[in-house]
Amino acid sequence: MRLTLLVEIADLNESPSQFLLQSVREVSQHIQIDYMLADAGFLSLNMLNEMPVKTIIRGKSSLKAFKELSTLPLVEKIFKVEDRIYVAYRMVEIDGLYYYDVVYVKEKPRHFTFVSSW
């Protein structure tokens, strides 16, 4: 189930990450949420540790952990669909959070970074 949070109900005095945390807490009291995905604008490492559901957020390359990730070797996985798709990744766990560095190749390489509580 994809749950869209309406901007109209946002408390403008809250940071985006606090708004997301509060909204997920309220909604999860009424329906089961298996996991939550969010964009980098919501990234707060403290909020990730407080989130009541599994959470993954697009990371920012300025985080300390991403410098550590770049020293690790890439693990390559090849997934064959109708055309070839390659995925290479690195992962490191720091203070209970998982940092991912992912390179996705279909036609041209695309690079993604994520922080997750699982």
PDB file of N, CA and C in Angstrom:
ATOM      1  N   MET A   1       0.849  -1.175   0.000  1.00  0.00           N
ATOM      2  CA  MET A   1       0.000   0.000   0.000  1.00  0.00           C
ATOM      3  C   MET A   1       0.895   1.239   0.000  1.00  0.00           C
ATOM      4  N   ARG A   2       0.619   2.151  -0.870  1.00  0.00           N
ATOM      5  CA  ARG A   2       1.361   3.408  -0.908  1.00  0.00           C
ATOM      6  C   ARG A   2       0.532   4.466  -0.206  1.00  0.00           C
ATOM      7  N   LEU A   3       1.140   5.090   0.786  1.00  0.00           N
ATOM      8  CA  LEU A   3       0.426   6.092   1.569  1.00  0.00           C
ATOM      9  C   LEU A   3       0.993   7.458   1.241  1.00  0.00           C
ATOM     10  N   THR A   4       0.144   8.347   0.732  1.00  0.00           N
ATOM     11  CA  THR A   4       0.569   9.691   0.401  1.00  0.00           C
ATOM     12  C   THR A   4       0.216  10.630   1.545  1.00  0.00           C
ATOM     13  N   LEU A   5       1.222  11.349   2.050  1.00  0.00           N
ATOM     14  CA  LEU A   5       0.986  12.336   3.100  1.00  0.00           C
ATOM     15  C   LEU A   5       0.729  13.686   2.450  1.00  0.00           C
ATOM     16  N   LEU A   6      -0.336  14.351   2.855  1.00  0.00           N
ATOM     17  CA  LEU A   6      -0.692  15.623   2.250  1.00  0.00           C
ATOM     18  C   LEU A   6       0.077  16.767   2.884  1.00  0.00           C
ATOM     19  N   VAL A   7       0.616  17.631   2.045  1.00  0.00           N
ATOM     20  CA  VAL A   7       1.380  18.774   2.530  1.00  0.00           C
ATOM     21  C   VAL A   7       0.490  19.717   3.337  1.00  0.00           C
ATOM     22  N   GLU A   8      -0.790  19.759   3.036  1.00  0.00           N
ATOM     23  CA  GLU A   8      -1.693  20.675   3.717  1.00  0.00           C
ATOM     24  C   GLU A   8      -1.768  20.426   5.217  1.00  0.00           C
ATOM     25  N   ILE A   9      -1.469  19.219   5.674  1.00  0.00           N
ATOM     26  CA  ILE A   9      -1.583  18.926   7.102  1.00  0.00           C
ATOM     27  C   ILE A   9      -0.253  19.094   7.831  1.00  0.00           C
ATOM     28  N   ALA A  10       0.783  19.484   7.111  1.00  0.00           N
ATOM     29  CA  ALA A  10       2.108  19.622   7.720  1.00  0.00           C
ATOM     30  C   ALA A  10       2.148  20.792   8.686  1.00  0.00           C
ATOM     31  N   ASP A  11       2.826  20.594   9.786  1.00  0.00           N
ATOM     32  CA  ASP A  11       3.085  21.672  10.743  1.00  0.00           C
ATOM     33  C   ASP A  11       4.361  22.360  10.266  1.00  0.00           C
ATOM     34  N   LEU A  12       4.249  23.589   9.813  1.00  0.00           N
ATOM     35  CA  LEU A  12       5.391  24.282   9.228  1.00  0.00           C
ATOM     36  C   LEU A  12       6.481  24.598  10.237  1.00  0.00           C
ATOM     37  N   ASN A  13       6.196  24.411  11.532  1.00  0.00           N
ATOM     38  CA  ASN A  13       7.215  24.621  12.552  1.00  0.00           C
ATOM     39  C   ASN A  13       8.094  23.387  12.752  1.00  0.00           C
ATOM     40  N   GLU A  14       7.684  22.251  12.184  1.00  0.00           N
ATOM     41  CA  GLU A  14       8.451  21.019  12.297  1.00  0.00           C
ATOM     42  C   GLU A  14       9.425  20.887  11.132  1.00  0.00           C
ATOM     43  N   SER A  15      10.522  20.189  11.370  1.00  0.00           N
ATOM     44  CA  SER A  15      11.418  19.863  10.268  1.00  0.00           C
ATOM     45  C   SER A  15      10.744  18.775   9.432  1.00  0.00           C
ATOM     46  N   PRO A  16      11.136  18.612   8.163  1.00  0.00           N
ATOM     47  CA  PRO A  16      10.539  17.544   7.345  1.00  0.00           C
ATOM     48  C   PRO A  16      10.679  16.166   7.987  1.00  0.00           C
ATOM     49  N   SER A  17      11.833  15.875   8.592  1.00  0.00           N
ATOM     50  CA  SER A  17      12.023  14.554   9.207  1.00  0.00           C
ATOM     51  C   SER A  17      11.115  14.368  10.422  1.00  0.00           C
ATOM     52  N   GLN A  18      10.896  15.417  11.214  1.00  0.00           N
ATOM     53  CA  GLN A  18       9.987  15.320  12.360  1.00  0.00           C
ATOM     54  C   GLN A  18       8.541  15.154  11.893  1.00  0.00           C
ATOM     55  N   PHE A  19       8.170  15.855  10.821  1.00  0.00           N
ATOM     56  CA  PHE A  19       6.828  15.707  10.255  1.00  0.00           C
ATOM     57  C   PHE A  19       6.610  14.262   9.795  1.00  0.00           C
ATOM     58  N   LEU A  20       7.605  13.697   9.116  1.00  0.00           N
ATOM     59  CA  LEU A  20       7.488  12.323   8.630  1.00  0.00           C
ATOM     60  C   LEU A  20       7.374  11.343   9.790  1.00  0.00           C
ATOM     61  N   LEU A  21       8.218  11.496  10.788  1.00  0.00           N
ATOM     62  CA  LEU A  21       8.188  10.620  11.958  1.00  0.00           C
ATOM     63  C   LEU A  21       6.833  10.670  12.642  1.00  0.00           C
ATOM     64  N   GLN A  22       6.331  11.860  12.906  1.00  0.00           N
ATOM     65  CA  GLN A  22       5.035  12.017  13.572  1.00  0.00           C
ATOM     66  C   GLN A  22       3.904  11.431  12.727  1.00  0.00           C
ATOM     67  N   SER A  23       3.944  11.667  11.421  1.00  0.00           N
ATOM     68  CA  SER A  23       2.888  11.156  10.531  1.00  0.00           C
ATOM     69  C   SER A  23       2.878   9.634  10.502  1.00  0.00           C
ATOM     70  N   VAL A  24       4.057   9.021  10.395  1.00  0.00           N
ATOM     71  CA  VAL A  24       4.133   7.556  10.362  1.00  0.00           C
ATOM     72  C   VAL A  24       3.676   6.976  11.697  1.00  0.00           C
ATOM     73  N   ARG A  25       4.046   7.606  12.806  1.00  0.00           N
ATOM     74  CA  ARG A  25       3.584   7.135  14.122  1.00  0.00           C
ATOM     75  C   ARG A  25       2.058   7.149  14.200  1.00  0.00           C
ATOM     76  N   GLU A  26       1.449   8.244  13.743  1.00  0.00           N
ATOM     77  CA  GLU A  26      -0.011   8.361  13.809  1.00  0.00           C
ATOM     78  C   GLU A  26      -0.694   7.347  12.900  1.00  0.00           C
ATOM     79  N   VAL A  27      -0.225   7.237  11.653  1.00  0.00           N
ATOM     80  CA  VAL A  27      -0.854   6.334  10.694  1.00  0.00           C
ATOM     81  C   VAL A  27      -0.680   4.876  11.124  1.00  0.00           C
ATOM     82  N   SER A  28       0.499   4.520  11.664  1.00  0.00           N
ATOM     83  CA  SER A  28       0.749   3.123  12.038  1.00  0.00           C
ATOM     84  C   SER A  28      -0.107   2.666  13.221  1.00  0.00           C
ATOM     85  N   GLN A  29      -0.751   3.587  13.906  1.00  0.00           N
ATOM     86  CA  GLN A  29      -1.694   3.212  14.964  1.00  0.00           C
ATOM     87  C   GLN A  29      -2.998   2.686  14.376  1.00  0.00           C
ATOM     88  N   HIS A  30      -3.276   3.012  13.101  1.00  0.00           N
ATOM     89  CA  HIS A  30      -4.548   2.649  12.486  1.00  0.00           C
ATOM     90  C   HIS A  30      -4.423   1.570  11.420  1.00  0.00           C
ATOM     91  N   ILE A  31      -3.285   1.516  10.733  1.00  0.00           N
ATOM     92  CA  ILE A  31      -3.071   0.485   9.727  1.00  0.00           C
ATOM     93  C   ILE A  31      -1.649  -0.056   9.860  1.00  0.00           C
ATOM     94  N   GLN A  32      -1.465  -1.286   9.391  1.00  0.00           N
ATOM     95  CA  GLN A  32      -0.137  -1.889   9.455  1.00  0.00           C
ATOM     96  C   GLN A  32       0.729  -1.331   8.328  1.00  0.00           C
ATOM     97  N   ILE A  33       1.897  -0.851   8.674  1.00  0.00           N
ATOM     98  CA  ILE A  33       2.863  -0.357   7.690  1.00  0.00           C
ATOM     99  C   ILE A  33       4.077  -1.272   7.782  1.00  0.00           C
ATOM    100  N   ASP A  34       4.430  -1.921   6.665  1.00  0.00           N
ATOM    101  CA  ASP A  34       5.559  -2.842   6.664  1.00  0.00           C
ATOM    102  C   ASP A  34       6.892  -2.110   6.570  1.00  0.00           C
ATOM    103  N   TYR A  35       6.938  -1.078   5.755  1.00  0.00           N
ATOM    104  CA  TYR A  35       8.159  -0.298   5.596  1.00  0.00           C
ATOM    105  C   TYR A  35       7.808   1.058   5.019  1.00  0.00           C
ATOM    106  N   MET A  36       8.761   1.972   5.088  1.00  0.00           N
ATOM    107  CA  MET A  36       8.547   3.320   4.592  1.00  0.00           C
ATOM    108  C   MET A  36       9.755   3.745   3.778  1.00  0.00           C
ATOM    109  N   LEU A  37       9.521   4.349   2.637  1.00  0.00           N
ATOM    110  CA  LEU A  37      10.562   4.879   1.758  1.00  0.00           C
ATOM    111  C   LEU A  37      10.442   6.394   1.716  1.00  0.00           C
ATOM    112  N   ALA A  38      11.576   7.087   1.736  1.00  0.00           N
ATOM    113  CA  ALA A  38      11.515   8.552   1.694  1.00  0.00           C
ATOM    114  C   ALA A  38      12.713   9.102   0.931  1.00  0.00           C
ATOM    115  N   ASP A  39      12.562  10.327   0.474  1.00  0.00           N
ATOM    116  CA  ASP A  39      13.616  11.002  -0.269  1.00  0.00           C
ATOM    117  C   ASP A  39      14.620  11.631   0.698  1.00  0.00           C
ATOM    118  N   ALA A  40      15.744  12.082   0.169  1.00  0.00           N
ATOM    119  CA  ALA A  40      16.849  12.611   0.985  1.00  0.00           C
ATOM    120  C   ALA A  40      16.453  13.818   1.832  1.00  0.00           C
ATOM    121  N   GLY A  41      15.447  14.554   1.431  1.00  0.00           N
ATOM    122  CA  GLY A  41      15.026  15.723   2.199  1.00  0.00           C
ATOM    123  C   GLY A  41      14.519  15.372   3.595  1.00  0.00           C
ATOM    124  N   PHE A  42      14.187  14.099   3.811  1.00  0.00           N
ATOM    125  CA  PHE A  42      13.690  13.647   5.107  1.00  0.00           C
ATOM    126  C   PHE A  42      14.778  12.987   5.953  1.00  0.00           C
ATOM    127  N   LEU A  43      16.014  12.947   5.450  1.00  0.00           N
ATOM    128  CA  LEU A  43      17.072  12.205   6.129  1.00  0.00           C
ATOM    129  C   LEU A  43      17.486  12.854   7.446  1.00  0.00           C
ATOM    130  N   SER A  44      17.319  12.101   8.496  1.00  0.00           N
ATOM    131  CA  SER A  44      17.804  12.458   9.827  1.00  0.00           C
ATOM    132  C   SER A  44      18.173  11.133  10.483  1.00  0.00           C
ATOM    133  N   LEU A  45      19.440  10.964  10.846  1.00  0.00           N
ATOM    134  CA  LEU A  45      19.870   9.700  11.425  1.00  0.00           C
ATOM    135  C   LEU A  45      19.163   9.432  12.749  1.00  0.00           C
ATOM    136  N   ASN A  46      18.905  10.466  13.532  1.00  0.00           N
ATOM    137  CA  ASN A  46      18.165  10.291  14.783  1.00  0.00           C
ATOM    138  C   ASN A  46      16.742   9.829  14.519  1.00  0.00           C
ATOM    139  N   MET A  47      16.099  10.403  13.507  1.00  0.00           N
ATOM    140  CA  MET A  47      14.737  10.028  13.170  1.00  0.00           C
ATOM    141  C   MET A  47      14.680   8.570  12.711  1.00  0.00           C
ATOM    142  N   LEU A  48      15.677   8.131  11.952  1.00  0.00           N
ATOM    143  CA  LEU A  48      15.697   6.744  11.496  1.00  0.00           C
ATOM    144  C   LEU A  48      15.700   5.772  12.674  1.00  0.00           C
ATOM    145  N   ASN A  49      16.431   6.098  13.706  1.00  0.00           N
ATOM    146  CA  ASN A  49      16.475   5.236  14.888  1.00  0.00           C
ATOM    147  C   ASN A  49      15.163   5.239  15.660  1.00  0.00           C
ATOM    148  N   GLU A  50      14.365   6.282  15.532  1.00  0.00           N
ATOM    149  CA  GLU A  50      13.095   6.400  16.252  1.00  0.00           C
ATOM    150  C   GLU A  50      11.893   5.885  15.451  1.00  0.00           C
ATOM    151  N   MET A  51      12.055   5.709  14.137  1.00  0.00           N
ATOM    152  CA  MET A  51      10.934   5.335  13.281  1.00  0.00           C
ATOM    153  C   MET A  51      10.354   3.983  13.712  1.00  0.00           C
ATOM    154  N   PRO A  52       9.029   3.881  13.874  1.00  0.00           N
ATOM    155  CA  PRO A  52       8.416   2.645  14.362  1.00  0.00           C
ATOM    156  C   PRO A  52       8.303   1.541  13.301  1.00  0.00           C
ATOM    157  N   VAL A  53       8.675   1.826  12.068  1.00  0.00           N
ATOM    158  CA  VAL A  53       8.616   0.822  10.988  1.00  0.00           C
ATOM    159  C   VAL A  53       9.964   0.786  10.271  1.00  0.00           C
ATOM    160  N   LYS A  54      10.202  -0.273   9.513  1.00  0.00           N
ATOM    161  CA  LYS A  54      11.416  -0.359   8.706  1.00  0.00           C
ATOM    162  C   LYS A  54      11.435   0.813   7.742  1.00  0.00           C
ATOM    163  N   THR A  55      12.572   1.472   7.641  1.00  0.00           N
ATOM    164  CA  THR A  55      12.660   2.699   6.854  1.00  0.00           C
ATOM    165  C   THR A  55      13.921   2.702   6.006  1.00  0.00           C
ATOM    166  N   ILE A  56      13.789   3.182   4.778  1.00  0.00           N
ATOM    167  CA  ILE A  56      14.945   3.398   3.925  1.00  0.00           C
ATOM    168  C   ILE A  56      14.800   4.778   3.286  1.00  0.00           C
ATOM    169  N   ILE A  57      15.893   5.541   3.349  1.00  0.00           N
ATOM    170  CA  ILE A  57      15.876   6.913   2.850  1.00  0.00           C
ATOM    171  C   ILE A  57      17.062   7.119   1.924  1.00  0.00           C
ATOM    172  N   ARG A  58      16.819   7.816   0.828  1.00  0.00           N
ATOM    173  CA  ARG A  58      17.925   8.126  -0.074  1.00  0.00           C
ATOM    174  C   ARG A  58      18.946   8.956   0.686  1.00  0.00           C
ATOM    175  N   GLY A  59      20.183   8.539   0.611  1.00  0.00           N
ATOM    176  CA  GLY A  59      21.224   9.176   1.412  1.00  0.00           C
ATOM    177  C   GLY A  59      21.856  10.372   0.735  1.00  0.00           C
ATOM    178  N   LYS A  60      22.668  11.035   1.498  1.00  0.00           N
ATOM    179  CA  LYS A  60      23.439  12.167   1.001  1.00  0.00           C
ATOM    180  C   LYS A  60      24.910  11.749   1.013  1.00  0.00           C
ATOM    181  N   SER A  61      25.601  11.992  -0.063  1.00  0.00           N
ATOM    182  CA  SER A  61      26.979  11.529  -0.173  1.00  0.00           C
ATOM    183  C   SER A  61      27.925  12.257   0.778  1.00  0.00           C
ATOM    184  N   SER A  62      27.455  13.286   1.443  1.00  0.00           N
ATOM    185  CA  SER A  62      28.300  14.012   2.386  1.00  0.00           C
ATOM    186  C   SER A  62      28.385  13.316   3.752  1.00  0.00           C
ATOM    187  N   LEU A  63      27.582  12.286   3.983  1.00  0.00           N
ATOM    188  CA  LEU A  63      27.621  11.581   5.260  1.00  0.00           C
ATOM    189  C   LEU A  63      28.939  10.833   5.424  1.00  0.00           C
ATOM    190  N   LYS A  64      29.440  10.806   6.643  1.00  0.00           N
ATOM    191  CA  LYS A  64      30.719  10.164   6.946  1.00  0.00           C
ATOM    192  C   LYS A  64      30.756   8.711   6.454  1.00  0.00           C
ATOM    193  N   ALA A  65      29.685   7.976   6.624  1.00  0.00           N
ATOM    194  CA  ALA A  65      29.667   6.560   6.271  1.00  0.00           C
ATOM    195  C   ALA A  65      29.923   6.327   4.794  1.00  0.00           C
ATOM    196  N   PHE A  66      29.544   7.267   3.943  1.00  0.00           N
ATOM    197  CA  PHE A  66      29.733   7.058   2.512  1.00  0.00           C
ATOM    198  C   PHE A  66      31.203   7.137   2.126  1.00  0.00           C
ATOM    199  N   LYS A  67      32.002   7.842   2.913  1.00  0.00           N
ATOM    200  CA  LYS A  67      33.447   7.837   2.671  1.00  0.00           C
ATOM    201  C   LYS A  67      34.009   6.462   3.004  1.00  0.00           C
ATOM    202  N   GLU A  68      33.505   5.849   4.068  1.00  0.00           N
ATOM    203  CA  GLU A  68      33.929   4.497   4.430  1.00  0.00           C
ATOM    204  C   GLU A  68      33.462   3.482   3.390  1.00  0.00           C
ATOM    205  N   LEU A  69      32.267   3.679   2.841  1.00  0.00           N
ATOM    206  CA  LEU A  69      31.749   2.777   1.821  1.00  0.00           C
ATOM    207  C   LEU A  69      32.650   2.737   0.596  1.00  0.00           C
ATOM    208  N   SER A  70      33.160   3.882   0.207  1.00  0.00           N
ATOM    209  CA  SER A  70      33.944   3.956  -1.037  1.00  0.00           C
ATOM    210  C   SER A  70      35.227   3.141  -0.963  1.00  0.00           C
ATOM    211  N   THR A  71      35.665   2.777   0.243  1.00  0.00           N
ATOM    212  CA  THR A  71      36.878   1.967   0.367  1.00  0.00           C
ATOM    213  C   THR A  71      36.583   0.468   0.275  1.00  0.00           C
ATOM    214  N   LEU A  72      35.308   0.090   0.348  1.00  0.00           N
ATOM    215  CA  LEU A  72      34.931  -1.321   0.280  1.00  0.00           C
ATOM    216  C   LEU A  72      34.806  -1.781  -1.169  1.00  0.00           C
ATOM    217  N   PRO A  73      35.073  -3.047  -1.442  1.00  0.00           N
ATOM    218  CA  PRO A  73      34.901  -3.542  -2.817  1.00  0.00           C
ATOM    219  C   PRO A  73      33.421  -3.658  -3.169  1.00  0.00           C
ATOM    220  N   LEU A  74      33.111  -3.469  -4.445  1.00  0.00           N
ATOM    221  CA  LEU A  74      31.739  -3.630  -4.921  1.00  0.00           C
ATOM    222  C   LEU A  74      31.400  -5.118  -5.015  1.00  0.00           C
ATOM    223  N   VAL A  75      30.182  -5.470  -4.620  1.00  0.00           N
ATOM    224  CA  VAL A  75      29.662  -6.825  -4.775  1.00  0.00           C
ATOM    225  C   VAL A  75      28.748  -6.787  -5.989  1.00  0.00           C
ATOM    226  N   GLU A  76      29.029  -7.593  -6.982  1.00  0.00           N
ATOM    227  CA  GLU A  76      28.250  -7.530  -8.226  1.00  0.00           C
ATOM    228  C   GLU A  76      27.189  -8.608  -8.260  1.00  0.00           C
ATOM    229  N   LYS A  77      25.998  -8.214  -8.635  1.00  0.00           N
ATOM    230  CA  LYS A  77      24.889  -9.140  -8.860  1.00  0.00           C
ATOM    231  C   LYS A  77      24.399  -8.900 -10.275  1.00  0.00           C
ATOM    232  N   ILE A  78      24.107  -9.952 -11.005  1.00  0.00           N
ATOM    233  CA  ILE A  78      23.586  -9.801 -12.363  1.00  0.00           C
ATOM    234  C   ILE A  78      22.170 -10.358 -12.380  1.00  0.00           C
ATOM    235  N   PHE A  79      21.240  -9.519 -12.719  1.00  0.00           N
ATOM    236  CA  PHE A  79      19.852  -9.924 -12.834  1.00  0.00           C
ATOM    237  C   PHE A  79      19.484  -9.891 -14.309  1.00  0.00           C
ATOM    238  N   LYS A  80      18.960 -10.988 -14.833  1.00  0.00           N
ATOM    239  CA  LYS A  80      18.575 -11.023 -16.237  1.00  0.00           C
ATOM    240  C   LYS A  80      17.060 -10.933 -16.327  1.00  0.00           C
ATOM    241  N   VAL A  81      16.635  -9.901 -16.991  1.00  0.00           N
ATOM    242  CA  VAL A  81      15.204  -9.742 -17.262  1.00  0.00           C
ATOM    243  C   VAL A  81      15.091  -9.908 -18.769  1.00  0.00           C
ATOM    244  N   GLU A  82      14.372  -9.060 -19.476  1.00  0.00           N
ATOM    245  CA  GLU A  82      14.339  -9.158 -20.931  1.00  0.00           C
ATOM    246  C   GLU A  82      15.661  -8.694 -21.518  1.00  0.00           C
ATOM    247  N   ASP A  83      16.243  -7.683 -20.916  1.00  0.00           N
ATOM    248  CA  ASP A  83      17.595  -7.267 -21.282  1.00  0.00           C
ATOM    249  C   ASP A  83      18.445  -7.404 -20.029  1.00  0.00           C
ATOM    250  N   ARG A  84      19.737  -7.224 -20.143  1.00  0.00           N
ATOM    251  CA  ARG A  84      20.610  -7.423 -18.986  1.00  0.00           C
ATOM    252  C   ARG A  84      20.574  -6.215 -18.055  1.00  0.00           C
ATOM    253  N   ILE A  85      20.516  -6.505 -16.787  1.00  0.00           N
ATOM    254  CA  ILE A  85      20.570  -5.473 -15.765  1.00  0.00           C
ATOM    255  C   ILE A  85      21.635  -5.887 -14.760  1.00  0.00           C
ATOM    256  N   TYR A  86      22.545  -4.983 -14.468  1.00  0.00           N
ATOM    257  CA  TYR A  86      23.609  -5.255 -13.516  1.00  0.00           C
ATOM    258  C   TYR A  86      23.445  -4.360 -12.295  1.00  0.00           C
ATOM    259  N   VAL A  87      23.663  -4.920 -11.149  1.00  0.00           N
ATOM    260  CA  VAL A  87      23.630  -4.145  -9.922  1.00  0.00           C
ATOM    261  C   VAL A  87      24.893  -4.462  -9.131  1.00  0.00           C
ATOM    262  N   ALA A  88      25.603  -3.428  -8.721  1.00  0.00           N
ATOM    263  CA  ALA A  88      26.758  -3.598  -7.844  1.00  0.00           C
ATOM    264  C   ALA A  88      26.504  -2.756  -6.603  1.00  0.00           C
ATOM    265  N   TYR A  89      26.925  -3.244  -5.454  1.00  0.00           N
ATOM    266  CA  TYR A  89      26.634  -2.497  -4.232  1.00  0.00           C
ATOM    267  C   TYR A  89      27.723  -2.717  -3.186  1.00  0.00           C
ATOM    268  N   ARG A  90      27.722  -1.817  -2.223  1.00  0.00           N
ATOM    269  CA  ARG A  90      28.534  -1.934  -1.016  1.00  0.00           C
ATOM    270  C   ARG A  90      27.605  -1.617   0.149  1.00  0.00           C
ATOM    271  N   MET A  91      27.888  -2.197   1.296  1.00  0.00           N
ATOM    272  CA  MET A  91      27.047  -1.956   2.462  1.00  0.00           C
ATOM    273  C   MET A  91      27.933  -1.945   3.698  1.00  0.00           C
ATOM    274  N   VAL A  92      27.647  -1.017   4.613  1.00  0.00           N
ATOM    275  CA  VAL A  92      28.346  -0.967   5.892  1.00  0.00           C
ATOM    276  C   VAL A  92      27.321  -0.648   6.978  1.00  0.00           C
ATOM    277  N   GLU A  93      27.504  -1.243   8.165  1.00  0.00           N
ATOM    278  CA  GLU A  93      26.621  -0.987   9.301  1.00  0.00           C
ATOM    279  C   GLU A  93      27.387  -0.145  10.318  1.00  0.00           C
ATOM    280  N   ILE A  94      26.794   0.972  10.709  1.00  0.00           N
ATOM    281  CA  ILE A  94      27.393   1.852  11.709  1.00  0.00           C
ATOM    282  C   ILE A  94      26.294   2.288  12.673  1.00  0.00           C
ATOM    283  N   ASP A  95      26.497   2.024  13.956  1.00  0.00           N
ATOM    284  CA  ASP A  95      25.553   2.446  15.004  1.00  0.00           C
ATOM    285  C   ASP A  95      24.118   2.013  14.735  1.00  0.00           C
ATOM    286  N   GLY A  96      23.925   0.794  14.276  1.00  0.00           N
ATOM    287  CA  GLY A  96      22.581   0.258  14.074  1.00  0.00           C
ATOM    288  C   GLY A  96      21.894   0.692  12.794  1.00  0.00           C
ATOM    289  N   LEU A  97      22.560   1.488  11.956  1.00  0.00           N
ATOM    290  CA  LEU A  97      21.996   1.885  10.666  1.00  0.00           C
ATOM    291  C   LEU A  97      22.836   1.267   9.555  1.00  0.00           C
ATOM    292  N   TYR A  98      22.217   1.027   8.421  1.00  0.00           N
ATOM    293  CA  TYR A  98      22.897   0.412   7.283  1.00  0.00           C
ATOM    294  C   TYR A  98      23.009   1.431   6.161  1.00  0.00           C
ATOM    295  N   TYR A  99      24.210   1.561   5.651  1.00  0.00           N
ATOM    296  CA  TYR A  99      24.497   2.511   4.575  1.00  0.00           C
ATOM    297  C   TYR A  99      24.778   1.714   3.316  1.00  0.00           C
ATOM    298  N   TYR A 100      24.101   2.066   2.238  1.00  0.00           N
ATOM    299  CA  TYR A 100      24.235   1.347   0.975  1.00  0.00           C
ATOM    300  C   TYR A 100      24.720   2.286  -0.119  1.00  0.00           C
ATOM    301  N   ASP A 101      25.592   1.777  -0.926  1.00  0.00           N
ATOM    302  CA  ASP A 101      26.083   2.481  -2.116  1.00  0.00           C
ATOM    303  C   ASP A 101      25.771   1.544  -3.274  1.00  0.00           C
ATOM    304  N   VAL A 102      24.897   1.953  -4.191  1.00  0.00           N
ATOM    305  CA  VAL A 102      24.398   1.064  -5.243  1.00  0.00           C
ATOM    306  C   VAL A 102      24.681   1.661  -6.614  1.00  0.00           C
ATOM    307  N   VAL A 103      25.206   0.836  -7.518  1.00  0.00           N
ATOM    308  CA  VAL A 103      25.385   1.223  -8.916  1.00  0.00           C
ATOM    309  C   VAL A 103      24.473   0.311  -9.737  1.00  0.00           C
ATOM    310  N   TYR A 104      23.562   0.921 -10.475  1.00  0.00           N
ATOM    311  CA  TYR A 104      22.575   0.206 -11.281  1.00  0.00           C
ATOM    312  C   TYR A 104      22.889   0.475 -12.742  1.00  0.00           C
ATOM    313  N   VAL A 105      23.038  -0.581 -13.521  1.00  0.00           N
ATOM    314  CA  VAL A 105      23.377  -0.414 -14.933  1.00  0.00           C
ATOM    315  C   VAL A 105      22.328  -1.123 -15.777  1.00  0.00           C
ATOM    316  N   LYS A 106      21.654  -0.359 -16.601  1.00  0.00           N
ATOM    317  CA  LYS A 106      20.767  -0.941 -17.603  1.00  0.00           C
ATOM    318  C   LYS A 106      21.298  -0.485 -18.953  1.00  0.00           C
ATOM    319  N   GLU A 107      21.094   0.753 -19.297  1.00  0.00           N
ATOM    320  CA  GLU A 107      21.706   1.297 -20.506  1.00  0.00           C
ATOM    321  C   GLU A 107      22.967   2.068 -20.140  1.00  0.00           C
ATOM    322  N   LYS A 108      22.874   2.902 -19.111  1.00  0.00           N
ATOM    323  CA  LYS A 108      24.039   3.626 -18.611  1.00  0.00           C
ATOM    324  C   LYS A 108      24.041   3.529 -17.091  1.00  0.00           C
ATOM    325  N   PRO A 109      25.200   3.589 -16.456  1.00  0.00           N
ATOM    326  CA  PRO A 109      25.266   3.458 -14.987  1.00  0.00           C
ATOM    327  C   PRO A 109      24.550   4.586 -14.270  1.00  0.00           C
ATOM    328  N   ARG A 110      23.830   4.239 -13.208  1.00  0.00           N
ATOM    329  CA  ARG A 110      23.200   5.215 -12.314  1.00  0.00           C
ATOM    330  C   ARG A 110      23.627   4.870 -10.902  1.00  0.00           C
ATOM    331  N   HIS A 111      23.946   5.882 -10.128  1.00  0.00           N
ATOM    332  CA  HIS A 111      24.500   5.705  -8.798  1.00  0.00           C
ATOM    333  C   HIS A 111      23.494   6.182  -7.750  1.00  0.00           C
ATOM    334  N   PHE A 112      23.251   5.369  -6.710  1.00  0.00           N
ATOM    335  CA  PHE A 112      22.299   5.695  -5.654  1.00  0.00           C
ATOM    336  C   PHE A 112      22.945   5.437  -4.297  1.00  0.00           C
ATOM    337  N   THR A 113      22.574   6.227  -3.305  1.00  0.00           N
ATOM    338  CA  THR A 113      23.002   5.979  -1.939  1.00  0.00           C
ATOM    339  C   THR A 113      21.772   5.943  -1.039  1.00  0.00           C
ATOM    340  N   PHE A 114      21.795   5.074  -0.043  1.00  0.00           N
ATOM    341  CA  PHE A 114      20.652   4.895   0.850  1.00  0.00           C
ATOM    342  C   PHE A 114      21.128   4.703   2.281  1.00  0.00           C
ATOM    343  N   VAL A 115      20.275   5.073   3.233  1.00  0.00           N
ATOM    344  CA  VAL A 115      20.474   4.761   4.645  1.00  0.00           C
ATOM    345  C   VAL A 115      19.208   4.037   5.104  1.00  0.00           C
ATOM    346  N   SER A 116      19.384   2.960   5.862  1.00  0.00           N
ATOM    347  CA  SER A 116      18.244   2.153   6.254  1.00  0.00           C
ATOM    348  C   SER A 116      18.360   1.691   7.698  1.00  0.00           C
ATOM    349  N   SER A 117      17.216   1.424   8.295  1.00  0.00           N
ATOM    350  CA  SER A 117      17.175   0.871   9.640  1.00  0.00           C
ATOM    351  C   SER A 117      17.136  -0.655   9.598  1.00  0.00           C
ATOM    352  N   TRP A 118      17.197  -1.243   8.416  1.00  0.00           N
ATOM    353  CA  TRP A 118      17.180  -2.710   8.274  1.00  0.00           C
ATOM    354  C   TRP A 118      17.997  -3.147   7.089  1.00  0.00           C
TER     355      TRP A 118
END
